[in-house]
């Protein structure tokens, strides 16, 4: 996987991507083809008919690029502006390729959509506004970074359950769900369980910031919804067979810090309804993992505590007992708090 930094000044569709800053993607599996293709530029001042996707002659819409231009591993680099129906976009946008809403067999994989390359800005000047519709459906090995998502209803990013996706340094503002990760529909689909990596994002005034029906790893996010929920996980399917897959990922997990796959954390949960909700209807004797260490919690109502028989807790994690009881604590020091 090629994901190194470099200059974007060559202006053409090079064989090697040039727009990624060093370190991106930082979490996707090594077998992903993310960043292995060309850079394709899109601008509000571009033209879908006469553009060629170079920096000096960009296309006008993300829709056109995903439908007619992109191939596996390509990077769609946006210039600052607002991408909405008024600028020619058709929603939802399909990173998988056109017309793929009813199945999880992507026509395109490893696609990146990149806005602001300064992670600290979290996409402040790169806005995708879908109005009242779902905004974007990810593909396998997708990277979505440096964007602001705005809409009045619907989900900003939909992640099919079989896909590994990295969502890094974005802002989600006034949407029903910032990230919605679908559940698997079968006991064992024959596809290895996947993970959605949620890193350094800001969620503002979402009904639910992250709604997860498959495994997630999250660190350094700010969940700040005055009347909403931070993270809601639902595990209600029979588990995969862990013997079939690399790293034994047969069970699903929510790793918000301290997990065996990485000591992540540093999330700040500052939500008016609940910081965290966990729901489960998995058959007795089958276990999922839910861990959350070194985060900042300050919700006005308690998190919901699933029964011990449904979840396999890390009993040595001192903070997890605080997270999963009726007392919401504010002394997990590694999150940066609520402002």
C-alpha atoms as a PDB file:
ATOM      1  CA  UNK A   1       0.000   0.000   0.000  1.00  0.00           C
ATOM      2  CA  UNK A   2       1.434   3.347  -0.976  1.00  0.00           C
ATOM      3  CA  UNK A   3       0.410   6.186   1.270  1.00  0.00           C
ATOM      4  CA  UNK A   4       3.427   8.441   1.593  1.00  0.00           C
ATOM      5  CA  UNK A   5       3.532  12.185   1.468  1.00  0.00           C
ATOM      6  CA  UNK A   6       5.000  14.372  -1.230  1.00  0.00           C
ATOM      7  CA  UNK A   7       4.171  17.363  -3.363  1.00  0.00           C
ATOM      8  CA  UNK A   8       0.919  17.820  -5.248  1.00  0.00           C
ATOM      9  CA  UNK A   9       2.530  20.331  -7.582  1.00  0.00           C
ATOM     10  CA  UNK A  10       2.981  18.144 -10.615  1.00  0.00           C
ATOM     11  CA  UNK A  11      -0.567  18.980 -11.746  1.00  0.00           C
ATOM     12  CA  UNK A  12      -1.155  15.728 -13.591  1.00  0.00           C
ATOM     13  CA  UNK A  13      -2.606  12.310 -13.013  1.00  0.00           C
ATOM     14  CA  UNK A  14       0.554  10.578 -11.884  1.00  0.00           C
ATOM     15  CA  UNK A  15       0.985   6.866 -11.403  1.00  0.00           C
ATOM     16  CA  UNK A  16       1.790   7.467  -7.731  1.00  0.00           C
ATOM     17  CA  UNK A  17      -0.436   9.511  -5.427  1.00  0.00           C
ATOM     18  CA  UNK A  18       1.028  12.763  -4.188  1.00  0.00           C
ATOM     19  CA  UNK A  19      -1.684  14.371  -2.082  1.00  0.00           C
ATOM     20  CA  UNK A  20      -1.462  12.262   1.100  1.00  0.00           C
ATOM     21  CA  UNK A  21       0.458  13.755   3.996  1.00  0.00           C
ATOM     22  CA  UNK A  22       2.885  11.364   5.642  1.00  0.00           C
ATOM     23  CA  UNK A  23       1.135   8.772   7.782  1.00  0.00           C
ATOM     24  CA  UNK A  24      -2.149   8.485   5.863  1.00  0.00           C
ATOM     25  CA  UNK A  25      -3.782   6.053   5.707  1.00  0.00           C
ATOM     26  CA  UNK A  26      -2.626   5.108   9.186  1.00  0.00           C
ATOM     27  CA  UNK A  27      -4.915   2.244  10.152  1.00  0.00           C
ATOM     28  CA  UNK A  28      -6.127   0.305   7.119  1.00  0.00           C
ATOM     29  CA  UNK A  29      -4.849  -3.268   6.626  1.00  0.00           C
ATOM     30  CA  UNK A  30      -1.639  -3.549   4.661  1.00  0.00           C
ATOM     31  CA  UNK A  31      -3.353  -5.599   1.972  1.00  0.00           C
ATOM     32  CA  UNK A  32      -5.523  -2.608   1.071  1.00  0.00           C
ATOM     33  CA  UNK A  33      -4.819  -0.893  -2.254  1.00  0.00           C
ATOM     34  CA  UNK A  34      -5.588   2.572  -0.874  1.00  0.00           C
ATOM     35  CA  UNK A  35      -3.454   5.240  -2.508  1.00  0.00           C
ATOM     36  CA  UNK A  36      -2.059   2.972  -5.194  1.00  0.00           C
ATOM     37  CA  UNK A  37      -3.647   4.765  -8.158  1.00  0.00           C
ATOM     38  CA  UNK A  38      -3.795   8.307  -9.520  1.00  0.00           C
ATOM     39  CA  UNK A  39      -4.752  11.684  -8.098  1.00  0.00           C
ATOM     40  CA  UNK A  40      -7.952  13.131  -9.581  1.00  0.00           C
ATOM     41  CA  UNK A  41      -8.743  16.764  -8.803  1.00  0.00           C
ATOM     42  CA  UNK A  42     -12.253  18.194  -8.324  1.00  0.00           C
ATOM     43  CA  UNK A  43     -13.170  21.854  -7.918  1.00  0.00           C
ATOM     44  CA  UNK A  44     -16.282  24.023  -7.880  1.00  0.00           C
ATOM     45  CA  UNK A  45     -14.655  25.914 -10.758  1.00  0.00           C
ATOM     46  CA  UNK A  46     -13.908  22.736 -12.737  1.00  0.00           C
ATOM     47  CA  UNK A  47     -15.789  21.208 -15.655  1.00  0.00           C
ATOM     48  CA  UNK A  48     -16.981  17.613 -16.030  1.00  0.00           C
ATOM     49  CA  UNK A  49     -17.013  17.895 -19.822  1.00  0.00           C
ATOM     50  CA  UNK A  50     -13.735  19.648 -20.564  1.00  0.00           C
ATOM     51  CA  UNK A  51     -11.743  18.803 -17.446  1.00  0.00           C
ATOM     52  CA  UNK A  52      -9.148  16.041 -17.370  1.00  0.00           C
ATOM     53  CA  UNK A  53      -8.796  15.677 -13.604  1.00  0.00           C
ATOM     54  CA  UNK A  54      -5.399  17.345 -13.377  1.00  0.00           C
ATOM     55  CA  UNK A  55      -4.734  20.023 -10.797  1.00  0.00           C
ATOM     56  CA  UNK A  56      -4.798  22.690 -13.499  1.00  0.00           C
ATOM     57  CA  UNK A  57      -7.923  21.351 -15.244  1.00  0.00           C
ATOM     58  CA  UNK A  58     -10.104  19.658 -12.606  1.00  0.00           C
ATOM     59  CA  UNK A  59     -13.496  18.054 -12.867  1.00  0.00           C
ATOM     60  CA  UNK A  60     -16.513  19.773 -11.296  1.00  0.00           C
ATOM     61  CA  UNK A  61     -18.191  16.981  -9.311  1.00  0.00           C
ATOM     62  CA  UNK A  62     -17.344  14.020  -7.137  1.00  0.00           C
ATOM     63  CA  UNK A  63     -20.316  12.260  -8.712  1.00  0.00           C
ATOM     64  CA  UNK A  64     -18.740  12.383 -12.175  1.00  0.00           C
ATOM     65  CA  UNK A  65     -15.401  11.071 -10.950  1.00  0.00           C
ATOM     66  CA  UNK A  66     -16.858   8.128  -9.008  1.00  0.00           C
ATOM     67  CA  UNK A  67     -19.256   7.227 -11.822  1.00  0.00           C
ATOM     68  CA  UNK A  68     -17.124   7.682 -14.913  1.00  0.00           C
ATOM     69  CA  UNK A  69     -13.446   8.175 -14.129  1.00  0.00           C
ATOM     70  CA  UNK A  70     -12.065   6.537 -10.979  1.00  0.00           C
ATOM     71  CA  UNK A  71     -10.381   3.121 -10.937  1.00  0.00           C
ATOM     72  CA  UNK A  72      -9.139   1.063  -8.008  1.00  0.00           C
ATOM     73  CA  UNK A  73      -6.798   2.910  -5.671  1.00  0.00           C
ATOM     74  CA  UNK A  74      -7.482   6.402  -7.015  1.00  0.00           C
ATOM     75  CA  UNK A  75      -7.494   9.500  -4.797  1.00  0.00           C
ATOM     76  CA  UNK A  76     -10.173  12.155  -5.319  1.00  0.00           C
ATOM     77  CA  UNK A  77      -8.613  15.434  -4.156  1.00  0.00           C
ATOM     78  CA  UNK A  78     -11.091  18.259  -3.554  1.00  0.00           C
ATOM     79  CA  UNK A  79     -10.330  21.948  -3.564  1.00  0.00           C
ATOM     80  CA  UNK A  80     -11.950  24.172  -0.937  1.00  0.00           C
ATOM     81  CA  UNK A  81     -15.646  24.790  -1.568  1.00  0.00           C
ATOM     82  CA  UNK A  82     -19.141  23.383  -1.049  1.00  0.00           C
ATOM     83  CA  UNK A  83     -20.189  20.262  -2.931  1.00  0.00           C
ATOM     84  CA  UNK A  84     -23.988  19.962  -3.010  1.00  0.00           C
ATOM     85  CA  UNK A  85     -26.869  19.511  -5.436  1.00  0.00           C
ATOM     86  CA  UNK A  86     -26.458  23.109  -6.529  1.00  0.00           C
ATOM     87  CA  UNK A  87     -22.915  22.387  -7.675  1.00  0.00           C
ATOM     88  CA  UNK A  88     -24.074  19.320  -9.606  1.00  0.00           C
ATOM     89  CA  UNK A  89     -23.675  16.484  -7.083  1.00  0.00           C
ATOM     90  CA  UNK A  90     -26.139  13.563  -6.971  1.00  0.00           C
ATOM     91  CA  UNK A  91     -26.604  11.915  -3.578  1.00  0.00           C
ATOM     92  CA  UNK A  92     -25.778   9.515  -2.189  1.00  0.00           C
ATOM     93  CA  UNK A  93     -22.263   9.337  -3.554  1.00  0.00           C
ATOM     94  CA  UNK A  94     -21.054   5.766  -4.174  1.00  0.00           C
ATOM     95  CA  UNK A  95     -17.360   5.173  -3.561  1.00  0.00           C
ATOM     96  CA  UNK A  96     -17.998   1.599  -4.740  1.00  0.00           C
ATOM     97  CA  UNK A  97     -18.934   2.788  -8.208  1.00  0.00           C
ATOM     98  CA  UNK A  98     -22.343   3.555  -9.696  1.00  0.00           C
ATOM     99  CA  UNK A  99     -25.576   1.803  -8.752  1.00  0.00           C
ATOM    100  CA  UNK A 100     -24.214  -0.514  -6.095  1.00  0.00           C
ATOM    101  CA  UNK A 101     -26.587   0.234  -3.223  1.00  0.00           C
ATOM    102  CA  UNK A 102     -28.214  -3.199  -3.017  1.00  0.00           C
ATOM    103  CA  UNK A 103     -25.132  -5.385  -2.786  1.00  0.00           C
ATOM    104  CA  UNK A 104     -21.717  -5.400  -1.162  1.00  0.00           C
ATOM    105  CA  UNK A 105     -19.624  -6.354  -4.190  1.00  0.00           C
ATOM    106  CA  UNK A 106     -17.687  -3.152  -4.894  1.00  0.00           C
ATOM    107  CA  UNK A 107     -16.891  -2.168  -8.446  1.00  0.00           C
ATOM    108  CA  UNK A 108     -14.153   0.098  -7.050  1.00  0.00           C
ATOM    109  CA  UNK A 109     -11.882  -0.497  -4.046  1.00  0.00           C
ATOM    110  CA  UNK A 110      -9.224   1.554  -2.284  1.00  0.00           C
ATOM    111  CA  UNK A 111     -10.810   4.884  -3.215  1.00  0.00           C
ATOM    112  CA  UNK A 112      -9.862   7.958  -1.161  1.00  0.00           C
ATOM    113  CA  UNK A 113     -11.712  11.256  -0.915  1.00  0.00           C
ATOM    114  CA  UNK A 114      -9.400  13.916   0.478  1.00  0.00           C
ATOM    115  CA  UNK A 115     -10.116  17.511   1.441  1.00  0.00           C
ATOM    116  CA  UNK A 116      -7.962  19.530   3.813  1.00  0.00           C
ATOM    117  CA  UNK A 117      -4.516  17.997   4.218  1.00  0.00           C
ATOM    118  CA  UNK A 118      -3.999  19.688   7.598  1.00  0.00           C
ATOM    119  CA  UNK A 119      -5.466  17.214  10.063  1.00  0.00           C
ATOM    120  CA  UNK A 120      -6.045  19.872  12.734  1.00  0.00           C
ATOM    121  CA  UNK A 121      -8.471  21.761  10.469  1.00  0.00           C
ATOM    122  CA  UNK A 122     -10.767  18.717  10.139  1.00  0.00           C
ATOM    123  CA  UNK A 123     -12.175  19.772   6.785  1.00  0.00           C
ATOM    124  CA  UNK A 124     -13.313  23.263   7.717  1.00  0.00           C
ATOM    125  CA  UNK A 125     -13.329  24.607   4.127  1.00  0.00           C
ATOM    126  CA  UNK A 126     -14.189  21.397   2.285  1.00  0.00           C
ATOM    127  CA  UNK A 127     -17.957  20.934   2.699  1.00  0.00           C
ATOM    128  CA  UNK A 128     -20.181  18.160   1.337  1.00  0.00           C
ATOM    129  CA  UNK A 129     -23.851  19.004   1.922  1.00  0.00           C
ATOM    130  CA  UNK A 130     -26.436  16.449   0.793  1.00  0.00           C
ATOM    131  CA  UNK A 131     -29.486  18.349   2.051  1.00  0.00           C
ATOM    132  CA  UNK A 132     -31.904  15.739   3.403  1.00  0.00           C
ATOM    133  CA  UNK A 133     -30.295  12.657   1.843  1.00  0.00           C
ATOM    134  CA  UNK A 134     -27.678  10.114   2.825  1.00  0.00           C
ATOM    135  CA  UNK A 135     -24.353  11.555   1.736  1.00  0.00           C
ATOM    136  CA  UNK A 136     -21.694   8.937   1.019  1.00  0.00           C
ATOM    137  CA  UNK A 137     -21.447   5.143   0.870  1.00  0.00           C
ATOM    138  CA  UNK A 138     -17.916   3.865   1.472  1.00  0.00           C
ATOM    139  CA  UNK A 139     -16.154   1.047  -0.321  1.00  0.00           C
ATOM    140  CA  UNK A 140     -13.640  -1.581   0.748  1.00  0.00           C
ATOM    141  CA  UNK A 141     -10.342   0.015   1.853  1.00  0.00           C
ATOM    142  CA  UNK A 142     -11.758   3.548   1.575  1.00  0.00           C
ATOM    143  CA  UNK A 143     -10.083   6.562   3.156  1.00  0.00           C
ATOM    144  CA  UNK A 144     -12.238   9.614   3.885  1.00  0.00           C
ATOM    145  CA  UNK A 145     -10.306  12.540   5.324  1.00  0.00           C
ATOM    146  CA  UNK A 146     -10.316  16.324   5.713  1.00  0.00           C
ATOM    147  CA  UNK A 147     -14.005  16.970   4.956  1.00  0.00           C
ATOM    148  CA  UNK A 148     -17.017  18.606   6.602  1.00  0.00           C
ATOM    149  CA  UNK A 149     -20.346  16.783   6.255  1.00  0.00           C
ATOM    150  CA  UNK A 150     -23.582  18.763   6.564  1.00  0.00           C
ATOM    151  CA  UNK A 151     -27.162  17.664   6.021  1.00  0.00           C
ATOM    152  CA  UNK A 152     -30.596  17.975   7.579  1.00  0.00           C
ATOM    153  CA  UNK A 153     -31.461  14.277   7.678  1.00  0.00           C
ATOM    154  CA  UNK A 154     -29.906  10.943   6.827  1.00  0.00           C
ATOM    155  CA  UNK A 155     -26.443   9.499   7.389  1.00  0.00           C
ATOM    156  CA  UNK A 156     -23.232  11.221   6.363  1.00  0.00           C
ATOM    157  CA  UNK A 157     -21.157   8.070   5.807  1.00  0.00           C
ATOM    158  CA  UNK A 158     -22.622   4.576   5.409  1.00  0.00           C
ATOM    159  CA  UNK A 159     -20.175   1.683   5.830  1.00  0.00           C
ATOM    160  CA  UNK A 160     -21.240  -1.779   4.595  1.00  0.00           C
ATOM    161  CA  UNK A 161     -20.338  -4.444   7.172  1.00  0.00           C
ATOM    162  CA  UNK A 162     -17.737  -6.304   5.107  1.00  0.00           C
ATOM    163  CA  UNK A 163     -15.582  -3.246   4.409  1.00  0.00           C
ATOM    164  CA  UNK A 164     -12.461  -1.935   6.171  1.00  0.00           C
ATOM    165  CA  UNK A 165     -12.718   1.861   6.145  1.00  0.00           C
ATOM    166  CA  UNK A 166     -10.686   4.710   7.672  1.00  0.00           C
ATOM    167  CA  UNK A 167     -12.522   7.933   8.569  1.00  0.00           C
ATOM    168  CA  UNK A 168      -9.905  10.456   9.620  1.00  0.00           C
ATOM    169  CA  UNK A 169      -9.934  14.181  10.553  1.00  0.00           C
ATOM    170  CA  UNK A 170     -13.457  15.140   9.439  1.00  0.00           C
ATOM    171  CA  UNK A 171     -16.249  17.260  10.917  1.00  0.00           C
ATOM    172  CA  UNK A 172     -19.860  16.007  11.078  1.00  0.00           C
ATOM    173  CA  UNK A 173     -22.307  18.834  11.697  1.00  0.00           C
ATOM    174  CA  UNK A 174     -26.104  18.595  12.217  1.00  0.00           C
ATOM    175  CA  UNK A 175     -26.832  15.177  10.769  1.00  0.00           C
ATOM    176  CA  UNK A 176     -28.928  12.201  11.888  1.00  0.00           C
ATOM    177  CA  UNK A 177     -25.891   9.914  12.069  1.00  0.00           C
ATOM    178  CA  UNK A 178     -22.340  10.917  11.349  1.00  0.00           C
ATOM    179  CA  UNK A 179     -21.142   7.369  10.636  1.00  0.00           C
ATOM    180  CA  UNK A 180     -23.557   4.440  10.221  1.00  0.00           C
ATOM    181  CA  UNK A 181     -21.920   0.998  10.059  1.00  0.00           C
ATOM    182  CA  UNK A 182     -24.337  -1.649   8.847  1.00  0.00           C
ATOM    183  CA  UNK A 183     -24.728  -5.044  10.495  1.00  0.00           C
ATOM    184  CA  UNK A 184     -23.877  -8.322   8.838  1.00  0.00           C
ATOM    185  CA  UNK A 185     -26.946 -10.243   7.711  1.00  0.00           C
ATOM    186  CA  UNK A 186     -25.680 -13.803   8.067  1.00  0.00           C
ATOM    187  CA  UNK A 187     -23.908 -16.020  10.576  1.00  0.00           C
ATOM    188  CA  UNK A 188     -20.818 -16.312   8.430  1.00  0.00           C
ATOM    189  CA  UNK A 189     -20.704 -14.675   5.014  1.00  0.00           C
ATOM    190  CA  UNK A 190     -17.319 -16.160   4.180  1.00  0.00           C
ATOM    191  CA  UNK A 191     -15.769 -12.686   4.343  1.00  0.00           C
ATOM    192  CA  UNK A 192     -13.376 -11.868   7.196  1.00  0.00           C
ATOM    193  CA  UNK A 193     -14.879  -9.530   9.808  1.00  0.00           C
ATOM    194  CA  UNK A 194     -14.028  -5.907   9.092  1.00  0.00           C
ATOM    195  CA  UNK A 195     -13.164  -2.839  11.146  1.00  0.00           C
ATOM    196  CA  UNK A 196     -14.076   0.828  10.739  1.00  0.00           C
ATOM    197  CA  UNK A 197     -11.298   3.087  12.049  1.00  0.00           C
ATOM    198  CA  UNK A 198     -12.595   6.449  13.337  1.00  0.00           C
ATOM    199  CA  UNK A 199      -9.729   8.842  14.069  1.00  0.00           C
ATOM    200  CA  UNK A 200      -9.506  12.523  15.051  1.00  0.00           C
ATOM    201  CA  UNK A 201     -13.020  13.543  13.974  1.00  0.00           C
ATOM    202  CA  UNK A 202     -15.422  16.107  15.450  1.00  0.00           C
ATOM    203  CA  UNK A 203     -19.131  15.241  15.737  1.00  0.00           C
ATOM    204  CA  UNK A 204     -21.406  18.228  16.393  1.00  0.00           C
ATOM    205  CA  UNK A 205     -25.170  18.082  17.043  1.00  0.00           C
ATOM    206  CA  UNK A 206     -25.732  14.639  15.572  1.00  0.00           C
ATOM    207  CA  UNK A 207     -28.697  12.548  16.652  1.00  0.00           C
ATOM    208  CA  UNK A 208     -26.164   9.690  16.892  1.00  0.00           C
ATOM    209  CA  UNK A 209     -22.533  10.398  16.091  1.00  0.00           C
ATOM    210  CA  UNK A 210     -21.504   6.791  15.408  1.00  0.00           C
ATOM    211  CA  UNK A 211     -24.057   3.999  14.976  1.00  0.00           C
ATOM    212  CA  UNK A 212     -22.148   0.719  14.757  1.00  0.00           C
ATOM    213  CA  UNK A 213     -23.368  -2.752  13.861  1.00  0.00           C
ATOM    214  CA  UNK A 214     -19.864  -4.051  13.197  1.00  0.00           C
ATOM    215  CA  UNK A 215     -16.445  -3.621  14.769  1.00  0.00           C
ATOM    216  CA  UNK A 216     -14.971  -0.168  15.373  1.00  0.00           C
ATOM    217  CA  UNK A 217     -11.717   1.276  16.665  1.00  0.00           C
ATOM    218  CA  UNK A 218     -11.865   4.930  17.689  1.00  0.00           C
ATOM    219  CA  UNK A 219      -9.353   7.404  19.070  1.00  0.00           C
ATOM    220  CA  UNK A 220      -8.921  11.161  19.497  1.00  0.00           C
ATOM    221  CA  UNK A 221     -12.489  12.031  18.475  1.00  0.00           C
ATOM    222  CA  UNK A 222     -14.721  14.742  19.967  1.00  0.00           C
ATOM    223  CA  UNK A 223     -18.358  13.679  20.350  1.00  0.00           C
ATOM    224  CA  UNK A 224     -20.282  16.876  21.117  1.00  0.00           C
ATOM    225  CA  UNK A 225     -24.035  16.634  20.546  1.00  0.00           C
ATOM    226  CA  UNK A 226     -26.117  18.810  22.836  1.00  0.00           C
ATOM    227  CA  UNK A 227     -29.161  16.514  22.582  1.00  0.00           C
ATOM    228  CA  UNK A 228     -27.710  13.395  20.996  1.00  0.00           C
ATOM    229  CA  UNK A 229     -25.802  10.137  21.530  1.00  0.00           C
ATOM    230  CA  UNK A 230     -22.052   9.725  21.128  1.00  0.00           C
ATOM    231  CA  UNK A 231     -21.587   6.056  20.168  1.00  0.00           C
ATOM    232  CA  UNK A 232     -24.309   3.419  19.858  1.00  0.00           C
ATOM    233  CA  UNK A 233     -23.264  -0.168  19.183  1.00  0.00           C
ATOM    234  CA  UNK A 234     -25.605  -3.036  18.375  1.00  0.00           C
ATOM    235  CA  UNK A 235     -24.332  -6.610  18.201  1.00  0.00           C
ATOM    236  CA  UNK A 236     -27.228  -8.943  17.527  1.00  0.00           C
ATOM    237  CA  UNK A 237     -25.976 -11.497  15.020  1.00  0.00           C
ATOM    238  CA  UNK A 238     -24.423 -14.905  15.453  1.00  0.00           C
ATOM    239  CA  UNK A 239     -20.644 -14.641  15.427  1.00  0.00           C
ATOM    240  CA  UNK A 240     -18.177 -15.490  12.714  1.00  0.00           C
ATOM    241  CA  UNK A 241     -15.944 -18.526  13.143  1.00  0.00           C
ATOM    242  CA  UNK A 242     -12.698 -17.015  14.526  1.00  0.00           C
ATOM    243  CA  UNK A 243     -10.671 -20.009  13.340  1.00  0.00           C
ATOM    244  CA  UNK A 244     -11.107 -18.991   9.709  1.00  0.00           C
ATOM    245  CA  UNK A 245      -9.636 -15.534   9.860  1.00  0.00           C
ATOM    246  CA  UNK A 246      -6.356 -13.763  10.455  1.00  0.00           C
ATOM    247  CA  UNK A 247      -5.763 -12.510  14.006  1.00  0.00           C
ATOM    248  CA  UNK A 248      -8.731 -14.536  15.234  1.00  0.00           C
ATOM    249  CA  UNK A 249     -11.206 -11.728  14.616  1.00  0.00           C
ATOM    250  CA  UNK A 250     -14.235 -13.947  14.934  1.00  0.00           C
ATOM    251  CA  UNK A 251     -15.905 -11.761  17.518  1.00  0.00           C
ATOM    252  CA  UNK A 252     -17.007  -8.210  16.960  1.00  0.00           C
ATOM    253  CA  UNK A 253     -15.598  -5.477  19.151  1.00  0.00           C
ATOM    254  CA  UNK A 254     -15.842  -1.821  20.048  1.00  0.00           C
ATOM    255  CA  UNK A 255     -12.333  -0.642  20.918  1.00  0.00           C
ATOM    256  CA  UNK A 256     -12.456   2.914  22.242  1.00  0.00           C
ATOM    257  CA  UNK A 257      -9.102   2.594  23.970  1.00  0.00           C
ATOM    258  CA  UNK A 258      -6.958  -0.050  25.634  1.00  0.00           C
ATOM    259  CA  UNK A 259      -7.770  -2.947  23.354  1.00  0.00           C
ATOM    260  CA  UNK A 260      -5.465  -5.777  22.401  1.00  0.00           C
ATOM    261  CA  UNK A 261      -5.305  -4.472  18.823  1.00  0.00           C
ATOM    262  CA  UNK A 262      -3.969  -1.074  19.862  1.00  0.00           C
ATOM    263  CA  UNK A 263      -3.895   1.216  22.887  1.00  0.00           C
ATOM    264  CA  UNK A 264      -6.208   3.792  21.469  1.00  0.00           C
ATOM    265  CA  UNK A 265      -8.325   6.261  23.407  1.00  0.00           C
ATOM    266  CA  UNK A 266      -8.292  10.003  23.920  1.00  0.00           C
ATOM    267  CA  UNK A 267     -11.919  10.416  22.839  1.00  0.00           C
ATOM    268  CA  UNK A 268     -14.028  13.135  24.470  1.00  0.00           C
ATOM    269  CA  UNK A 269     -17.704  12.305  25.023  1.00  0.00           C
ATOM    270  CA  UNK A 270     -19.780  15.427  25.686  1.00  0.00           C
ATOM    271  CA  UNK A 271     -23.339  14.523  24.690  1.00  0.00           C
ATOM    272  CA  UNK A 272     -26.666  15.661  26.042  1.00  0.00           C
ATOM    273  CA  UNK A 273     -28.517  12.348  25.798  1.00  0.00           C
ATOM    274  CA  UNK A 274     -26.002   9.516  26.321  1.00  0.00           C
ATOM    275  CA  UNK A 275     -22.295   9.267  25.735  1.00  0.00           C
ATOM    276  CA  UNK A 276     -22.412   5.552  24.984  1.00  0.00           C
ATOM    277  CA  UNK A 277     -25.151   2.962  24.435  1.00  0.00           C
ATOM    278  CA  UNK A 278     -24.530  -0.756  23.962  1.00  0.00           C
ATOM    279  CA  UNK A 279     -27.305  -3.099  22.837  1.00  0.00           C
ATOM    280  CA  UNK A 280     -27.001  -6.816  22.265  1.00  0.00           C
ATOM    281  CA  UNK A 281     -29.182  -9.824  21.484  1.00  0.00           C
ATOM    282  CA  UNK A 282     -26.456 -12.350  20.744  1.00  0.00           C
ATOM    283  CA  UNK A 283     -27.283 -15.951  21.723  1.00  0.00           C
ATOM    284  CA  UNK A 284     -26.115 -17.005  25.169  1.00  0.00           C
ATOM    285  CA  UNK A 285     -22.539 -18.248  25.350  1.00  0.00           C
ATOM    286  CA  UNK A 286     -21.254 -16.140  22.447  1.00  0.00           C
ATOM    287  CA  UNK A 287     -19.185 -13.120  23.323  1.00  0.00           C
ATOM    288  CA  UNK A 288     -18.217  -9.765  21.941  1.00  0.00           C
ATOM    289  CA  UNK A 289     -15.556  -7.407  23.253  1.00  0.00           C
ATOM    290  CA  UNK A 290     -16.266  -3.895  24.470  1.00  0.00           C
ATOM    291  CA  UNK A 291     -13.411  -1.865  25.923  1.00  0.00           C
ATOM    292  CA  UNK A 292     -12.996   1.860  26.530  1.00  0.00           C
ATOM    293  CA  UNK A 293      -9.944   3.107  28.395  1.00  0.00           C
ATOM    294  CA  UNK A 294      -8.483   6.603  28.772  1.00  0.00           C
ATOM    295  CA  UNK A 295     -11.321   8.742  27.464  1.00  0.00           C
ATOM    296  CA  UNK A 296     -13.128  11.816  28.789  1.00  0.00           C
ATOM    297  CA  UNK A 297     -16.795  11.257  29.708  1.00  0.00           C
ATOM    298  CA  UNK A 298     -19.365  13.815  30.771  1.00  0.00           C
ATOM    299  CA  UNK A 299     -22.930  12.923  29.707  1.00  0.00           C
ATOM    300  CA  UNK A 300     -26.055  14.246  31.416  1.00  0.00           C
ATOM    301  CA  UNK A 301     -27.521  10.746  31.576  1.00  0.00           C
ATOM    302  CA  UNK A 302     -25.918   7.397  32.219  1.00  0.00           C
ATOM    303  CA  UNK A 303     -24.584   5.001  29.666  1.00  0.00           C
ATOM    304  CA  UNK A 304     -26.517   1.773  29.269  1.00  0.00           C
ATOM    305  CA  UNK A 305     -24.980  -1.337  30.767  1.00  0.00           C
ATOM    306  CA  UNK A 306     -25.383  -4.594  28.832  1.00  0.00           C
ATOM    307  CA  UNK A 307     -25.406  -7.819  30.812  1.00  0.00           C
ATOM    308  CA  UNK A 308     -22.162  -9.622  31.589  1.00  0.00           C
ATOM    309  CA  UNK A 309     -23.412 -12.739  29.763  1.00  0.00           C
ATOM    310  CA  UNK A 310     -23.628 -10.866  26.464  1.00  0.00           C
ATOM    311  CA  UNK A 311     -20.262  -9.098  26.447  1.00  0.00           C
ATOM    312  CA  UNK A 312     -16.757 -10.315  27.198  1.00  0.00           C
ATOM    313  CA  UNK A 313     -15.254  -7.423  29.143  1.00  0.00           C
ATOM    314  CA  UNK A 314     -11.601  -6.812  29.772  1.00  0.00           C
ATOM    315  CA  UNK A 315     -11.795  -7.247  33.537  1.00  0.00           C
ATOM    316  CA  UNK A 316      -8.337  -5.772  34.086  1.00  0.00           C
ATOM    317  CA  UNK A 317      -9.371  -2.493  32.482  1.00  0.00           C
ATOM    318  CA  UNK A 318     -10.117  -0.266  35.473  1.00  0.00           C
ATOM    319  CA  UNK A 319     -11.904   2.348  33.416  1.00  0.00           C
ATOM    320  CA  UNK A 320     -14.329   0.011  31.694  1.00  0.00           C
ATOM    321  CA  UNK A 321     -16.304  -0.551  34.851  1.00  0.00           C
ATOM    322  CA  UNK A 322     -16.776   3.179  35.144  1.00  0.00           C
ATOM    323  CA  UNK A 323     -17.910   3.482  31.551  1.00  0.00           C
ATOM    324  CA  UNK A 324     -20.432   0.677  31.838  1.00  0.00           C
ATOM    325  CA  UNK A 325     -22.177   1.672  35.059  1.00  0.00           C
ATOM    326  CA  UNK A 326     -24.712   4.318  35.895  1.00  0.00           C
ATOM    327  CA  UNK A 327     -21.983   6.749  36.946  1.00  0.00           C
ATOM    328  CA  UNK A 328     -20.587   8.782  34.073  1.00  0.00           C
ATOM    329  CA  UNK A 329     -17.090   9.877  35.032  1.00  0.00           C
ATOM    330  CA  UNK A 330     -15.047  12.870  33.978  1.00  0.00           C
ATOM    331  CA  UNK A 331     -11.662  11.762  35.280  1.00  0.00           C
ATOM    332  CA  UNK A 332     -10.411   9.747  32.317  1.00  0.00           C
ATOM    333  CA  UNK A 333      -7.668  12.202  31.588  1.00  0.00           C
ATOM    334  CA  UNK A 334      -6.467  11.420  28.061  1.00  0.00           C
ATOM    335  CA  UNK A 335      -9.407  12.982  26.212  1.00  0.00           C
ATOM    336  CA  UNK A 336      -9.089  16.732  25.731  1.00  0.00           C
ATOM    337  CA  UNK A 337     -12.427  17.501  27.405  1.00  0.00           C
ATOM    338  CA  UNK A 338     -15.417  19.515  26.246  1.00  0.00           C
ATOM    339  CA  UNK A 339     -15.353  23.123  25.200  1.00  0.00           C
END
